[in-house]
Amino acid sequence: MKFSQEKLYKINQQYEKLVEKFQKNEKKLKGTIKERDSLKLKTIVLINKSKTVGVATNIEEHTKTCKVCNQEYTEKTNLNWSCRTHMSAWGGTMWWCCGKKDIN
């Protein structure tokens, strides 16, 4: 009984450490996403300023970010199956949101 209690205690400690590590990583991820969004906004502002000044840019369209999976896309390349998560229903032969052929 004492052996199993010690084992349970150790497992519980490991679990608490993993939860703490997960929370730290989640906080870092949110900070990184926020920083990326602010850098994108600054880039868009600079592109718009360069267009008003008359400087030619090769960027025809701005990249956008999916709110579900954080994947970047452009309007030209965005298709029904561009998002990595299954946001639509099974179409019988494939998922229309990501193009996968199997139901699982």
Protein backbone atom coordinates (compact mmCIF):
# COMPACT_ATOMS: atom_id res chain seq x y z
CA MET A 1 0.00 0.00 0.00
CA LYS A 2 2.80 2.39 0.93
CA PHE A 3 4.61 1.60 -2.34
CA SER A 4 1.52 2.44 -4.42
CA GLN A 5 0.98 5.69 -2.48
CA GLU A 6 4.56 6.76 -3.18
CA LYS A 7 4.17 5.85 -6.83
CA LEU A 8 0.91 7.80 -7.02
CA TYR A 9 2.58 10.78 -5.33
CA LYS A 10 5.44 10.75 -7.86
CA ILE A 11 3.03 10.50 -10.79
CA ASN A 12 1.01 13.37 -9.37
CA GLN A 13 4.16 15.51 -9.09
CA GLN A 14 5.09 14.73 -12.69
CA TYR A 15 1.57 15.65 -13.77
CA GLU A 16 1.75 19.00 -11.95
CA LYS A 17 5.11 19.77 -13.59
CA LEU A 18 3.69 18.96 -17.02
CA VAL A 19 0.65 21.17 -16.42
CA GLU A 20 2.90 24.03 -15.35
CA LYS A 21 5.13 23.56 -18.40
CA PHE A 22 2.07 23.46 -20.67
CA GLN A 23 0.75 26.71 -19.19
CA LYS A 24 4.12 28.43 -19.71
CA ASN A 25 4.28 27.24 -23.33
CA GLU A 26 0.70 28.33 -23.96
CA LYS A 27 1.52 31.80 -22.60
CA LYS A 28 4.59 31.98 -24.87
CA LEU A 29 2.49 30.93 -27.86
CA LYS A 30 -0.08 33.64 -27.20
CA GLY A 31 2.71 36.22 -26.91
CA THR A 32 4.28 35.04 -30.15
CA ILE A 33 0.96 35.16 -32.00
CA LYS A 34 0.34 38.67 -30.67
CA GLU A 35 3.81 39.77 -31.78
CA ARG A 36 3.31 38.21 -35.23
CA ASP A 37 0.01 40.04 -35.64
CA SER A 38 1.55 43.38 -34.67
CA LEU A 39 4.44 42.82 -37.12
CA LYS A 40 1.96 41.99 -39.88
CA LEU A 41 0.06 45.18 -39.14
CA LYS A 42 3.28 47.22 -39.29
CA THR A 43 4.17 45.55 -42.60
CA ILE A 44 0.77 46.41 -44.08
CA VAL A 45 1.12 50.02 -42.95
CA LEU A 46 4.58 50.26 -44.53
CA ILE A 47 3.33 48.71 -47.79
CA ASN A 48 0.44 51.16 -47.93
CA LYS A 49 2.79 54.08 -47.25
CA SER A 50 5.15 52.94 -50.00
CA LYS A 51 2.23 52.75 -52.45
CA THR A 52 1.16 56.32 -51.63
CA VAL A 53 4.73 57.55 -52.08
CA GLY A 54 4.95 55.76 -55.41
CA VAL A 55 7.45 53.05 -54.59
CA ALA A 56 6.66 49.90 -56.56
CA THR A 57 6.13 46.76 -54.50
CA ASN A 58 5.99 43.15 -55.62
CA ILE A 59 3.38 42.27 -53.03
CA GLU A 60 0.05 42.15 -54.84
CA GLU A 61 -2.00 40.94 -51.93
CA HIS A 62 -1.60 40.56 -48.20
CA THR A 63 -1.41 37.27 -46.43
CA LYS A 64 -4.13 36.51 -43.92
CA THR A 65 -4.15 34.09 -41.00
CA CYS A 66 -6.79 31.45 -40.34
CA LYS A 67 -8.47 32.07 -36.99
CA VAL A 68 -8.91 28.33 -36.41
CA CYS A 69 -5.49 26.81 -37.21
CA ASN A 70 -3.25 29.95 -37.54
CA GLN A 71 -2.17 28.89 -41.04
CA GLU A 72 -1.27 31.81 -43.33
CA TYR A 73 -2.99 32.08 -46.70
CA THR A 74 -3.73 34.50 -49.51
CA GLU A 75 -7.13 35.02 -51.09
CA LYS A 76 -5.90 33.56 -54.41
CA THR A 77 -4.64 30.34 -52.85
CA ASN A 78 -7.42 29.87 -50.30
CA LEU A 79 -9.63 26.92 -51.19
CA ASN A 80 -12.44 25.09 -49.41
CA TRP A 81 -9.93 22.59 -48.03
CA SER A 82 -7.19 25.04 -47.01
CA CYS A 83 -7.88 24.87 -43.26
CA ARG A 84 -6.22 21.95 -41.47
CA THR A 85 -9.14 21.26 -39.16
CA HIS A 86 -12.43 19.65 -40.16
CA MET A 87 -14.78 22.64 -40.19
CA SER A 88 -17.23 21.19 -42.71
CA ALA A 89 -19.17 17.94 -42.89
CA TRP A 90 -18.02 14.67 -44.44
CA GLY A 91 -18.87 14.91 -48.14
CA GLY A 92 -19.15 11.16 -48.72
CA THR A 93 -15.82 10.85 -50.52
CA MET A 94 -13.66 13.46 -48.73
CA TRP A 95 -13.64 16.27 -46.19
CA TRP A 96 -14.34 19.48 -48.12
CA CYS A 97 -12.42 21.60 -45.65
CA CYS A 98 -9.05 19.86 -45.99
CA GLY A 99 -9.29 17.44 -48.91
CA LYS A 100 -8.60 14.28 -46.88
CA LYS A 101 -10.01 11.14 -48.47
CA ASP A 102 -10.63 9.04 -45.33
CA ILE A 103 -13.37 9.66 -42.78
CA ASN A 104 -10.99 9.39 -39.81
